[in-house]
Protein backbone atom coordinates (compact mmCIF):
# COMPACT_ATOMS: atom_id res chain seq x y z
CA UNK A 1 0.00 0.00 0.00
CA UNK A 2 2.83 2.38 0.92
CA UNK A 3 4.59 1.66 -2.39
CA UNK A 4 1.35 2.31 -4.28
CA UNK A 5 0.90 5.68 -2.57
CA UNK A 6 4.49 6.66 -3.39
CA UNK A 7 3.95 5.73 -7.05
CA UNK A 8 0.77 7.81 -7.23
CA UNK A 9 2.53 10.78 -5.63
CA UNK A 10 5.36 10.51 -8.15
CA UNK A 11 2.90 10.48 -11.06
CA UNK A 12 1.00 13.48 -9.73
CA UNK A 13 4.04 15.65 -9.05
CA UNK A 14 4.20 17.31 -12.53
CA UNK A 15 0.48 18.15 -12.37
CA UNK A 16 0.75 19.62 -8.89
CA UNK A 17 3.86 21.57 -9.87
CA UNK A 18 2.13 23.22 -12.84
CA UNK A 19 -1.02 23.98 -10.88
CA UNK A 20 1.00 25.46 -8.03
CA UNK A 21 2.79 27.93 -10.31
CA UNK A 22 0.70 31.08 -10.23
CA UNK A 23 0.04 32.64 -13.62
CA UNK A 24 -0.09 36.41 -14.19
CA UNK A 25 -3.67 37.69 -13.76
CA UNK A 26 -3.51 39.02 -17.33
CA UNK A 27 -2.78 35.57 -18.81
CA UNK A 28 -5.96 33.77 -19.86
CA UNK A 29 -5.10 30.47 -21.59
CA UNK A 30 -7.79 29.69 -24.16
CA UNK A 31 -8.47 28.90 -27.82
CA UNK A 32 -9.27 31.77 -30.18
CA UNK A 33 -11.58 32.39 -33.15
CA UNK A 34 -10.55 35.87 -34.29
CA UNK A 35 -8.89 34.93 -37.59
CA UNK A 36 -11.24 33.39 -40.17
CA UNK A 37 -8.56 32.73 -42.81
CA UNK A 38 -7.97 29.31 -41.23
CA UNK A 39 -9.52 27.04 -38.59
CA UNK A 40 -7.68 27.36 -35.28
CA UNK A 41 -8.70 23.96 -33.88
CA UNK A 42 -7.79 22.16 -37.10
CA UNK A 43 -4.31 23.70 -37.10
CA UNK A 44 -3.89 22.86 -33.42
CA UNK A 45 -4.68 19.20 -34.13
CA UNK A 46 -2.41 19.23 -37.21
CA UNK A 47 0.56 20.38 -35.11
CA UNK A 48 -0.05 17.64 -32.54
CA UNK A 49 -0.43 15.01 -35.28
CA UNK A 50 2.79 16.19 -36.93
CA UNK A 51 4.70 15.82 -33.66
CA UNK A 52 3.45 12.28 -33.23
CA UNK A 53 5.22 11.42 -36.50
CA UNK A 54 7.98 14.03 -36.95
CA UNK A 55 10.54 15.07 -34.33
CA UNK A 56 11.60 18.55 -35.45
CA UNK A 57 15.02 20.04 -34.91
CA UNK A 58 13.58 23.54 -34.89
CA UNK A 59 10.15 24.82 -33.84
CA UNK A 60 8.75 28.30 -34.37
CA UNK A 61 6.02 29.58 -32.05
CA UNK A 62 4.21 32.78 -32.98
CA UNK A 63 1.26 34.56 -34.50
CA UNK A 64 0.34 35.48 -38.09
CA UNK A 65 3.79 36.94 -38.81
CA UNK A 66 5.28 33.48 -38.29
CA UNK A 67 2.25 31.67 -39.74
CA UNK A 68 2.65 33.59 -43.03
CA UNK A 69 6.31 32.56 -43.48
CA UNK A 70 6.33 28.93 -44.68
CA UNK A 71 6.78 25.37 -43.43
CA UNK A 72 4.59 22.59 -42.03
CA UNK A 73 1.79 22.15 -41.25
CA UNK A 74 0.35 23.84 -44.33
CA UNK A 75 -3.21 25.21 -44.33
CA UNK A 76 -5.13 27.91 -46.20
CA UNK A 77 -3.08 30.73 -44.68
CA UNK A 78 -0.79 32.41 -47.25
CA UNK A 79 2.94 31.62 -47.16
CA UNK A 80 5.05 34.58 -48.32
CA UNK A 81 8.61 33.59 -47.48
CA UNK A 82 9.05 30.10 -48.92
CA UNK A 83 12.37 30.90 -50.62
CA UNK A 84 14.04 32.16 -47.44
CA UNK A 85 12.48 29.36 -45.36
CA UNK A 86 13.89 26.62 -47.57
CA UNK A 87 17.23 28.41 -47.91
CA UNK A 88 17.56 28.48 -44.12
CA UNK A 89 15.89 25.21 -43.12
CA UNK A 90 15.74 23.05 -46.26
CA UNK A 91 17.72 20.07 -44.86
CA UNK A 92 16.15 20.26 -41.39
CA UNK A 93 12.88 19.08 -39.84
CA UNK A 94 11.06 22.25 -38.77
CA UNK A 95 7.55 22.96 -37.48
CA UNK A 96 5.85 26.31 -37.94
CA UNK A 97 3.62 26.81 -34.88
CA UNK A 98 2.57 30.30 -35.92
CA UNK A 99 -1.18 30.84 -35.51
CA UNK A 100 -2.81 33.91 -37.07
CA UNK A 101 -4.14 36.42 -34.50
CA UNK A 102 -2.86 34.50 -31.47
CA UNK A 103 -2.15 36.27 -28.21
CA UNK A 104 0.52 34.96 -25.86
CA UNK A 105 -2.44 33.48 -23.97
CA UNK A 106 -3.51 31.32 -26.93
CA UNK A 107 0.01 30.01 -27.49
CA UNK A 108 0.17 29.12 -23.79
CA UNK A 109 -3.10 27.20 -24.07
CA UNK A 110 -2.13 25.17 -27.14
CA UNK A 111 1.23 24.20 -25.66
CA UNK A 112 -0.58 23.33 -22.44
CA UNK A 113 -2.83 21.14 -24.59
CA UNK A 114 0.01 19.11 -26.09
CA UNK A 115 1.62 20.80 -29.10
CA UNK A 116 5.14 20.27 -27.73
CA UNK A 117 4.49 16.87 -26.17
CA UNK A 118 6.81 14.06 -27.19
CA UNK A 119 9.43 16.23 -28.93
CA UNK A 120 12.73 17.80 -27.92
CA UNK A 121 13.77 20.35 -30.55
CA UNK A 122 17.31 21.65 -30.66
CA UNK A 123 15.96 25.24 -30.71
CA UNK A 124 12.51 26.73 -30.13
CA UNK A 125 12.15 30.19 -31.67
CA UNK A 126 9.48 32.34 -30.00
CA UNK A 127 8.11 35.62 -31.37
CA UNK A 128 4.70 36.59 -30.07
CA UNK A 129 2.96 39.48 -28.34
CA UNK A 130 2.20 41.96 -31.12
CA UNK A 131 -1.52 41.16 -30.89
CA UNK A 132 -1.46 41.61 -27.11
CA UNK A 133 -0.12 45.13 -27.61
CA UNK A 134 -1.85 46.10 -30.85
CA UNK A 135 -5.26 44.46 -30.47
CA UNK A 136 -5.89 43.83 -26.79
CA UNK A 137 -3.88 46.88 -25.71
CA UNK A 138 -1.96 45.08 -22.96
CA UNK A 139 0.69 47.07 -21.16
CA UNK A 140 4.36 46.22 -21.82
CA UNK A 141 4.57 44.82 -18.28
CA UNK A 142 1.59 42.52 -18.81
CA UNK A 143 2.88 41.33 -22.19
CA UNK A 144 6.33 40.59 -20.76
CA UNK A 145 4.87 38.82 -17.70
CA UNK A 146 2.67 36.64 -19.92
CA UNK A 147 5.66 35.80 -22.11
CA UNK A 148 7.71 34.88 -19.05
CA UNK A 149 5.00 32.40 -18.04
CA UNK A 150 4.95 30.99 -21.57
CA UNK A 151 8.73 30.49 -21.53
CA UNK A 152 8.42 28.71 -18.19
CA UNK A 153 5.84 26.34 -19.70
CA UNK A 154 8.03 25.69 -22.75
CA UNK A 155 10.97 24.92 -20.46
CA UNK A 156 8.87 22.37 -18.56
CA UNK A 157 7.70 20.72 -21.77
CA UNK A 158 11.11 20.73 -23.50
CA UNK A 159 13.77 21.10 -20.79
CA UNK A 160 16.72 20.30 -23.06
CA UNK A 161 15.73 22.73 -25.83
CA UNK A 162 17.30 26.15 -26.23
CA UNK A 163 14.81 29.01 -26.57
CA UNK A 164 15.49 31.94 -28.87
CA UNK A 165 13.14 34.74 -27.81
CA UNK A 166 12.68 37.37 -30.52
CA UNK A 167 11.60 40.93 -29.89
CA UNK A 168 8.22 42.18 -31.11
CA UNK A 169 8.61 43.70 -34.57
CA UNK A 170 7.86 47.35 -35.34
CA UNK A 171 4.37 48.17 -36.60
CA UNK A 172 2.80 50.95 -38.65
CA UNK A 173 0.95 52.45 -35.67
CA UNK A 174 3.01 55.31 -34.25
CA UNK A 175 1.21 55.10 -30.91
CA UNK A 176 2.69 51.61 -30.38
CA UNK A 177 6.35 52.52 -30.92
CA UNK A 178 7.08 53.25 -27.26
CA UNK A 179 5.08 50.23 -26.05
CA UNK A 180 6.98 47.89 -28.39
CA UNK A 181 10.35 49.32 -27.36
CA UNK A 182 9.54 49.02 -23.65
CA UNK A 183 8.15 45.51 -24.06
CA UNK A 184 11.30 44.41 -25.90
CA UNK A 185 13.44 45.92 -23.17
CA UNK A 186 11.56 43.82 -20.61
CA UNK A 187 11.67 40.72 -22.83
CA UNK A 188 15.45 41.01 -23.15
CA UNK A 189 15.70 40.59 -19.37
CA UNK A 190 14.13 37.12 -19.63
CA UNK A 191 17.27 35.78 -21.33
CA UNK A 192 19.57 33.87 -18.99
CA UNK A 193 22.02 33.15 -21.88
CA UNK A 194 22.09 29.50 -20.88
CA UNK A 195 18.65 28.23 -21.80
CA UNK A 196 16.96 31.39 -23.09
CA UNK A 197 18.52 33.84 -25.54
CA UNK A 198 17.16 37.14 -26.87
CA UNK A 199 17.49 38.84 -30.25
CA UNK A 200 15.63 41.81 -31.73
CA UNK A 201 15.31 41.49 -35.53
CA UNK A 202 13.14 44.61 -35.61
CA UNK A 203 16.27 46.74 -35.27
CA UNK A 204 17.33 45.84 -38.82
CA UNK A 205 13.81 45.84 -40.27
CA UNK A 206 12.89 49.37 -39.22
CA UNK A 207 13.31 52.67 -41.08
CA UNK A 208 16.40 54.12 -39.40
CA UNK A 209 15.51 54.45 -35.74
CA UNK A 210 11.90 55.37 -36.47
CA UNK A 211 10.25 52.32 -34.92
CA UNK A 212 8.31 51.70 -38.17
CA UNK A 213 8.87 48.75 -40.51
CA UNK A 214 10.70 49.56 -43.75
CA UNK A 215 8.16 49.61 -46.57
CA UNK A 216 10.18 47.10 -48.60
CA UNK A 217 9.94 44.61 -45.73
CA UNK A 218 6.20 44.68 -45.14
CA UNK A 219 2.92 44.13 -46.95
CA UNK A 220 0.67 46.11 -44.64
CA UNK A 221 2.81 47.70 -41.94
CA UNK A 222 2.57 44.65 -39.69
CA UNK A 223 3.21 41.44 -41.63
CA UNK A 224 6.44 40.77 -43.48
CA UNK A 225 6.73 40.64 -47.26
CA UNK A 226 9.02 38.10 -48.95
CA UNK A 227 11.83 40.66 -48.64
CA UNK A 228 11.20 41.04 -44.91
C-alpha atoms as a PDB file:
ATOM      1  CA  UNK A   1       0.000   0.000   0.000  1.00  0.00           C
ATOM      2  CA  UNK A   2       2.827   2.376   0.919  1.00  0.00           C
ATOM      3  CA  UNK A   3       4.590   1.660  -2.393  1.00  0.00           C
ATOM      4  CA  UNK A   4       1.348   2.313  -4.276  1.00  0.00           C
ATOM      5  CA  UNK A   5       0.899   5.685  -2.575  1.00  0.00           C
ATOM      6  CA  UNK A   6       4.490   6.656  -3.389  1.00  0.00           C
ATOM      7  CA  UNK A   7       3.954   5.729  -7.050  1.00  0.00           C
ATOM      8  CA  UNK A   8       0.769   7.807  -7.229  1.00  0.00           C
ATOM      9  CA  UNK A   9       2.532  10.776  -5.627  1.00  0.00           C
ATOM     10  CA  UNK A  10       5.363  10.514  -8.152  1.00  0.00           C
ATOM     11  CA  UNK A  11       2.903  10.484 -11.063  1.00  0.00           C
ATOM     12  CA  UNK A  12       0.998  13.478  -9.734  1.00  0.00           C
ATOM     13  CA  UNK A  13       4.041  15.648  -9.050  1.00  0.00           C
ATOM     14  CA  UNK A  14       4.200  17.312 -12.528  1.00  0.00           C
ATOM     15  CA  UNK A  15       0.480  18.150 -12.368  1.00  0.00           C
ATOM     16  CA  UNK A  16       0.745  19.616  -8.889  1.00  0.00           C
ATOM     17  CA  UNK A  17       3.860  21.572  -9.873  1.00  0.00           C
ATOM     18  CA  UNK A  18       2.130  23.221 -12.842  1.00  0.00           C
ATOM     19  CA  UNK A  19      -1.016  23.978 -10.876  1.00  0.00           C
ATOM     20  CA  UNK A  20       0.998  25.464  -8.026  1.00  0.00           C
ATOM     21  CA  UNK A  21       2.795  27.930 -10.307  1.00  0.00           C
ATOM     22  CA  UNK A  22       0.704  31.077 -10.234  1.00  0.00           C
ATOM     23  CA  UNK A  23       0.039  32.640 -13.621  1.00  0.00           C
ATOM     24  CA  UNK A  24      -0.094  36.413 -14.185  1.00  0.00           C
ATOM     25  CA  UNK A  25      -3.666  37.694 -13.759  1.00  0.00           C
ATOM     26  CA  UNK A  26      -3.513  39.022 -17.334  1.00  0.00           C
ATOM     27  CA  UNK A  27      -2.784  35.572 -18.807  1.00  0.00           C
ATOM     28  CA  UNK A  28      -5.964  33.773 -19.861  1.00  0.00           C
ATOM     29  CA  UNK A  29      -5.099  30.467 -21.588  1.00  0.00           C
ATOM     30  CA  UNK A  30      -7.795  29.686 -24.155  1.00  0.00           C
ATOM     31  CA  UNK A  31      -8.466  28.899 -27.820  1.00  0.00           C
ATOM     32  CA  UNK A  32      -9.269  31.769 -30.181  1.00  0.00           C
ATOM     33  CA  UNK A  33     -11.581  32.387 -33.145  1.00  0.00           C
ATOM     34  CA  UNK A  34     -10.552  35.875 -34.286  1.00  0.00           C
ATOM     35  CA  UNK A  35      -8.893  34.932 -37.590  1.00  0.00           C
ATOM     36  CA  UNK A  36     -11.242  33.391 -40.166  1.00  0.00           C
ATOM     37  CA  UNK A  37      -8.558  32.726 -42.805  1.00  0.00           C
ATOM     38  CA  UNK A  38      -7.968  29.312 -41.228  1.00  0.00           C
ATOM     39  CA  UNK A  39      -9.520  27.043 -38.594  1.00  0.00           C
ATOM     40  CA  UNK A  40      -7.676  27.359 -35.282  1.00  0.00           C
ATOM     41  CA  UNK A  41      -8.697  23.958 -33.877  1.00  0.00           C
ATOM     42  CA  UNK A  42      -7.788  22.161 -37.102  1.00  0.00           C
ATOM     43  CA  UNK A  43      -4.309  23.701 -37.103  1.00  0.00           C
ATOM     44  CA  UNK A  44      -3.886  22.860 -33.425  1.00  0.00           C
ATOM     45  CA  UNK A  45      -4.680  19.202 -34.130  1.00  0.00           C
ATOM     46  CA  UNK A  46      -2.413  19.230 -37.210  1.00  0.00           C
ATOM     47  CA  UNK A  47       0.559  20.378 -35.109  1.00  0.00           C
ATOM     48  CA  UNK A  48      -0.054  17.644 -32.539  1.00  0.00           C
ATOM     49  CA  UNK A  49      -0.429  15.007 -35.278  1.00  0.00           C
ATOM     50  CA  UNK A  50       2.795  16.186 -36.932  1.00  0.00           C
ATOM     51  CA  UNK A  51       4.697  15.824 -33.664  1.00  0.00           C
ATOM     52  CA  UNK A  52       3.449  12.284 -33.228  1.00  0.00           C
ATOM     53  CA  UNK A  53       5.224  11.425 -36.497  1.00  0.00           C
ATOM     54  CA  UNK A  54       7.980  14.029 -36.945  1.00  0.00           C
ATOM     55  CA  UNK A  55      10.541  15.068 -34.330  1.00  0.00           C
ATOM     56  CA  UNK A  56      11.600  18.546 -35.450  1.00  0.00           C
ATOM     57  CA  UNK A  57      15.025  20.036 -34.912  1.00  0.00           C
ATOM     58  CA  UNK A  58      13.578  23.545 -34.892  1.00  0.00           C
ATOM     59  CA  UNK A  59      10.155  24.822 -33.838  1.00  0.00           C
ATOM     60  CA  UNK A  60       8.752  28.305 -34.370  1.00  0.00           C
ATOM     61  CA  UNK A  61       6.016  29.584 -32.046  1.00  0.00           C
ATOM     62  CA  UNK A  62       4.212  32.777 -32.976  1.00  0.00           C
ATOM     63  CA  UNK A  63       1.260  34.561 -34.501  1.00  0.00           C
ATOM     64  CA  UNK A  64       0.337  35.481 -38.094  1.00  0.00           C
ATOM     65  CA  UNK A  65       3.789  36.943 -38.810  1.00  0.00           C
ATOM     66  CA  UNK A  66       5.277  33.479 -38.288  1.00  0.00           C
ATOM     67  CA  UNK A  67       2.252  31.671 -39.744  1.00  0.00           C
ATOM     68  CA  UNK A  68       2.652  33.592 -43.029  1.00  0.00           C
ATOM     69  CA  UNK A  69       6.307  32.563 -43.481  1.00  0.00           C
ATOM     70  CA  UNK A  70       6.332  28.926 -44.682  1.00  0.00           C
ATOM     71  CA  UNK A  71       6.780  25.368 -43.429  1.00  0.00           C
ATOM     72  CA  UNK A  72       4.593  22.595 -42.027  1.00  0.00           C
ATOM     73  CA  UNK A  73       1.793  22.152 -41.251  1.00  0.00           C
ATOM     74  CA  UNK A  74       0.345  23.843 -44.334  1.00  0.00           C
ATOM     75  CA  UNK A  75      -3.209  25.215 -44.334  1.00  0.00           C
ATOM     76  CA  UNK A  76      -5.133  27.909 -46.203  1.00  0.00           C
ATOM     77  CA  UNK A  77      -3.080  30.728 -44.684  1.00  0.00           C
ATOM     78  CA  UNK A  78      -0.790  32.407 -47.250  1.00  0.00           C
ATOM     79  CA  UNK A  79       2.939  31.616 -47.162  1.00  0.00           C
ATOM     80  CA  UNK A  80       5.051  34.579 -48.322  1.00  0.00           C
ATOM     81  CA  UNK A  81       8.612  33.590 -47.476  1.00  0.00           C
ATOM     82  CA  UNK A  82       9.055  30.097 -48.917  1.00  0.00           C
ATOM     83  CA  UNK A  83      12.374  30.901 -50.615  1.00  0.00           C
ATOM     84  CA  UNK A  84      14.043  32.156 -47.436  1.00  0.00           C
ATOM     85  CA  UNK A  85      12.480  29.359 -45.365  1.00  0.00           C
ATOM     86  CA  UNK A  86      13.893  26.624 -47.568  1.00  0.00           C
ATOM     87  CA  UNK A  87      17.227  28.406 -47.913  1.00  0.00           C
ATOM     88  CA  UNK A  88      17.557  28.483 -44.115  1.00  0.00           C
ATOM     89  CA  UNK A  89      15.885  25.215 -43.123  1.00  0.00           C
ATOM     90  CA  UNK A  90      15.740  23.049 -46.255  1.00  0.00           C
ATOM     91  CA  UNK A  91      17.715  20.073 -44.864  1.00  0.00           C
ATOM     92  CA  UNK A  92      16.148  20.262 -41.386  1.00  0.00           C
ATOM     93  CA  UNK A  93      12.883  19.078 -39.841  1.00  0.00           C
ATOM     94  CA  UNK A  94      11.059  22.248 -38.773  1.00  0.00           C
ATOM     95  CA  UNK A  95       7.552  22.955 -37.477  1.00  0.00           C
ATOM     96  CA  UNK A  96       5.845  26.306 -37.936  1.00  0.00           C
ATOM     97  CA  UNK A  97       3.617  26.805 -34.877  1.00  0.00           C
ATOM     98  CA  UNK A  98       2.570  30.297 -35.923  1.00  0.00           C
ATOM     99  CA  UNK A  99      -1.185  30.842 -35.513  1.00  0.00           C
ATOM    100  CA  UNK A 100      -2.805  33.909 -37.074  1.00  0.00           C
ATOM    101  CA  UNK A 101      -4.136  36.415 -34.502  1.00  0.00           C
ATOM    102  CA  UNK A 102      -2.859  34.497 -31.469  1.00  0.00           C
ATOM    103  CA  UNK A 103      -2.153  36.269 -28.208  1.00  0.00           C
ATOM    104  CA  UNK A 104       0.515  34.963 -25.855  1.00  0.00           C
ATOM    105  CA  UNK A 105      -2.438  33.485 -23.971  1.00  0.00           C
ATOM    106  CA  UNK A 106      -3.515  31.317 -26.928  1.00  0.00           C
ATOM    107  CA  UNK A 107       0.013  30.010 -27.493  1.00  0.00           C
ATOM    108  CA  UNK A 108       0.175  29.116 -23.791  1.00  0.00           C
ATOM    109  CA  UNK A 109      -3.099  27.204 -24.074  1.00  0.00           C
ATOM    110  CA  UNK A 110      -2.131  25.166 -27.136  1.00  0.00           C
ATOM    111  CA  UNK A 111       1.227  24.196 -25.656  1.00  0.00           C
ATOM    112  CA  UNK A 112      -0.579  23.329 -22.436  1.00  0.00           C
ATOM    113  CA  UNK A 113      -2.825  21.135 -24.592  1.00  0.00           C
ATOM    114  CA  UNK A 114       0.006  19.111 -26.091  1.00  0.00           C
ATOM    115  CA  UNK A 115       1.615  20.804 -29.097  1.00  0.00           C
ATOM    116  CA  UNK A 116       5.144  20.274 -27.729  1.00  0.00           C
ATOM    117  CA  UNK A 117       4.485  16.868 -26.170  1.00  0.00           C
ATOM    118  CA  UNK A 118       6.809  14.064 -27.195  1.00  0.00           C
ATOM    119  CA  UNK A 119       9.427  16.231 -28.927  1.00  0.00           C
ATOM    120  CA  UNK A 120      12.726  17.803 -27.923  1.00  0.00           C
ATOM    121  CA  UNK A 121      13.772  20.351 -30.550  1.00  0.00           C
ATOM    122  CA  UNK A 122      17.309  21.654 -30.664  1.00  0.00           C
ATOM    123  CA  UNK A 123      15.964  25.243 -30.714  1.00  0.00           C
ATOM    124  CA  UNK A 124      12.511  26.735 -30.126  1.00  0.00           C
ATOM    125  CA  UNK A 125      12.147  30.194 -31.666  1.00  0.00           C
ATOM    126  CA  UNK A 126       9.482  32.340 -30.003  1.00  0.00           C
ATOM    127  CA  UNK A 127       8.114  35.617 -31.370  1.00  0.00           C
ATOM    128  CA  UNK A 128       4.695  36.592 -30.075  1.00  0.00           C
ATOM    129  CA  UNK A 129       2.959  39.484 -28.344  1.00  0.00           C
ATOM    130  CA  UNK A 130       2.202  41.960 -31.120  1.00  0.00           C
ATOM    131  CA  UNK A 131      -1.523  41.159 -30.888  1.00  0.00           C
ATOM    132  CA  UNK A 132      -1.457  41.608 -27.113  1.00  0.00           C
ATOM    133  CA  UNK A 133      -0.119  45.131 -27.609  1.00  0.00           C
ATOM    134  CA  UNK A 134      -1.852  46.103 -30.847  1.00  0.00           C
ATOM    135  CA  UNK A 135      -5.258  44.459 -30.472  1.00  0.00           C
ATOM    136  CA  UNK A 136      -5.893  43.826 -26.791  1.00  0.00           C
ATOM    137  CA  UNK A 137      -3.878  46.883 -25.708  1.00  0.00           C
ATOM    138  CA  UNK A 138      -1.961  45.082 -22.960  1.00  0.00           C
ATOM    139  CA  UNK A 139       0.694  47.074 -21.161  1.00  0.00           C
ATOM    140  CA  UNK A 140       4.364  46.221 -21.815  1.00  0.00           C
ATOM    141  CA  UNK A 141       4.573  44.820 -18.283  1.00  0.00           C
ATOM    142  CA  UNK A 142       1.593  42.524 -18.814  1.00  0.00           C
ATOM    143  CA  UNK A 143       2.876  41.325 -22.189  1.00  0.00           C
ATOM    144  CA  UNK A 144       6.327  40.589 -20.758  1.00  0.00           C
ATOM    145  CA  UNK A 145       4.865  38.816 -17.702  1.00  0.00           C
ATOM    146  CA  UNK A 146       2.665  36.640 -19.918  1.00  0.00           C
ATOM    147  CA  UNK A 147       5.660  35.795 -22.113  1.00  0.00           C
ATOM    148  CA  UNK A 148       7.711  34.881 -19.053  1.00  0.00           C
ATOM    149  CA  UNK A 149       5.001  32.399 -18.037  1.00  0.00           C
ATOM    150  CA  UNK A 150       4.949  30.990 -21.573  1.00  0.00           C
ATOM    151  CA  UNK A 151       8.729  30.489 -21.532  1.00  0.00           C
ATOM    152  CA  UNK A 152       8.417  28.713 -18.192  1.00  0.00           C
ATOM    153  CA  UNK A 153       5.839  26.337 -19.699  1.00  0.00           C
ATOM    154  CA  UNK A 154       8.025  25.691 -22.754  1.00  0.00           C
ATOM    155  CA  UNK A 155      10.970  24.924 -20.461  1.00  0.00           C
ATOM    156  CA  UNK A 156       8.873  22.371 -18.561  1.00  0.00           C
ATOM    157  CA  UNK A 157       7.700  20.716 -21.769  1.00  0.00           C
ATOM    158  CA  UNK A 158      11.114  20.727 -23.503  1.00  0.00           C
ATOM    159  CA  UNK A 159      13.772  21.098 -20.791  1.00  0.00           C
ATOM    160  CA  UNK A 160      16.724  20.298 -23.062  1.00  0.00           C
ATOM    161  CA  UNK A 161      15.729  22.725 -25.831  1.00  0.00           C
ATOM    162  CA  UNK A 162      17.304  26.150 -26.229  1.00  0.00           C
ATOM    163  CA  UNK A 163      14.808  29.008 -26.568  1.00  0.00           C
ATOM    164  CA  UNK A 164      15.489  31.938 -28.869  1.00  0.00           C
ATOM    165  CA  UNK A 165      13.138  34.739 -27.810  1.00  0.00           C
ATOM    166  CA  UNK A 166      12.679  37.367 -30.517  1.00  0.00           C
ATOM    167  CA  UNK A 167      11.597  40.932 -29.889  1.00  0.00           C
ATOM    168  CA  UNK A 168       8.224  42.182 -31.106  1.00  0.00           C
ATOM    169  CA  UNK A 169       8.607  43.702 -34.574  1.00  0.00           C
ATOM    170  CA  UNK A 170       7.861  47.355 -35.344  1.00  0.00           C
ATOM    171  CA  UNK A 171       4.369  48.170 -36.599  1.00  0.00           C
ATOM    172  CA  UNK A 172       2.800  50.953 -38.655  1.00  0.00           C
ATOM    173  CA  UNK A 173       0.946  52.450 -35.667  1.00  0.00           C
ATOM    174  CA  UNK A 174       3.011  55.308 -34.250  1.00  0.00           C
ATOM    175  CA  UNK A 175       1.211  55.103 -30.912  1.00  0.00           C
ATOM    176  CA  UNK A 176       2.686  51.607 -30.382  1.00  0.00           C
ATOM    177  CA  UNK A 177       6.351  52.523 -30.917  1.00  0.00           C
ATOM    178  CA  UNK A 178       7.076  53.248 -27.262  1.00  0.00           C
ATOM    179  CA  UNK A 179       5.082  50.229 -26.054  1.00  0.00           C
ATOM    180  CA  UNK A 180       6.979  47.887 -28.387  1.00  0.00           C
ATOM    181  CA  UNK A 181      10.349  49.318 -27.356  1.00  0.00           C
ATOM    182  CA  UNK A 182       9.539  49.021 -23.655  1.00  0.00           C
ATOM    183  CA  UNK A 183       8.154  45.508 -24.061  1.00  0.00           C
ATOM    184  CA  UNK A 184      11.301  44.413 -25.898  1.00  0.00           C
ATOM    185  CA  UNK A 185      13.440  45.920 -23.170  1.00  0.00           C
ATOM    186  CA  UNK A 186      11.564  43.819 -20.609  1.00  0.00           C
ATOM    187  CA  UNK A 187      11.667  40.715 -22.830  1.00  0.00           C
ATOM    188  CA  UNK A 188      15.445  41.008 -23.152  1.00  0.00           C
ATOM    189  CA  UNK A 189      15.698  40.593 -19.372  1.00  0.00           C
ATOM    190  CA  UNK A 190      14.129  37.125 -19.631  1.00  0.00           C
ATOM    191  CA  UNK A 191      17.269  35.777 -21.329  1.00  0.00           C
ATOM    192  CA  UNK A 192      19.567  33.875 -18.989  1.00  0.00           C
ATOM    193  CA  UNK A 193      22.016  33.149 -21.878  1.00  0.00           C
ATOM    194  CA  UNK A 194      22.093  29.497 -20.884  1.00  0.00           C
ATOM    195  CA  UNK A 195      18.646  28.231 -21.802  1.00  0.00           C
ATOM    196  CA  UNK A 196      16.957  31.386 -23.094  1.00  0.00           C
ATOM    197  CA  UNK A 197      18.524  33.838 -25.537  1.00  0.00           C
ATOM    198  CA  UNK A 198      17.164  37.144 -26.874  1.00  0.00           C
ATOM    199  CA  UNK A 199      17.491  38.838 -30.248  1.00  0.00           C
ATOM    200  CA  UNK A 200      15.627  41.808 -31.726  1.00  0.00           C
ATOM    201  CA  UNK A 201      15.308  41.487 -35.532  1.00  0.00           C
ATOM    202  CA  UNK A 202      13.142  44.609 -35.611  1.00  0.00           C
ATOM    203  CA  UNK A 203      16.268  46.738 -35.273  1.00  0.00           C
ATOM    204  CA  UNK A 204      17.331  45.836 -38.822  1.00  0.00           C
ATOM    205  CA  UNK A 205      13.811  45.840 -40.265  1.00  0.00           C
ATOM    206  CA  UNK A 206      12.894  49.375 -39.220  1.00  0.00           C
ATOM    207  CA  UNK A 207      13.311  52.666 -41.081  1.00  0.00           C
ATOM    208  CA  UNK A 208      16.403  54.123 -39.404  1.00  0.00           C
ATOM    209  CA  UNK A 209      15.507  54.449 -35.743  1.00  0.00           C
ATOM    210  CA  UNK A 210      11.897  55.370 -36.470  1.00  0.00           C
ATOM    211  CA  UNK A 211      10.255  52.325 -34.924  1.00  0.00           C
ATOM    212  CA  UNK A 212       8.314  51.699 -38.165  1.00  0.00           C
ATOM    213  CA  UNK A 213       8.866  48.753 -40.507  1.00  0.00           C
ATOM    214  CA  UNK A 214      10.701  49.560 -43.748  1.00  0.00           C
ATOM    215  CA  UNK A 215       8.156  49.612 -46.569  1.00  0.00           C
ATOM    216  CA  UNK A 216      10.182  47.100 -48.596  1.00  0.00           C
ATOM    217  CA  UNK A 217       9.940  44.606 -45.728  1.00  0.00           C
ATOM    218  CA  UNK A 218       6.198  44.679 -45.140  1.00  0.00           C
ATOM    219  CA  UNK A 219       2.917  44.128 -46.948  1.00  0.00           C
ATOM    220  CA  UNK A 220       0.671  46.115 -44.643  1.00  0.00           C
ATOM    221  CA  UNK A 221       2.812  47.702 -41.941  1.00  0.00           C
ATOM    222  CA  UNK A 222       2.570  44.648 -39.689  1.00  0.00           C
ATOM    223  CA  UNK A 223       3.206  41.438 -41.635  1.00  0.00           C
ATOM    224  CA  UNK A 224       6.442  40.765 -43.477  1.00  0.00           C
ATOM    225  CA  UNK A 225       6.731  40.641 -47.255  1.00  0.00           C
ATOM    226  CA  UNK A 226       9.023  38.103 -48.949  1.00  0.00           C
ATOM    227  CA  UNK A 227      11.831  40.665 -48.642  1.00  0.00           C
ATOM    228  CA  UNK A 228      11.197  41.037 -44.911  1.00  0.00           C
END
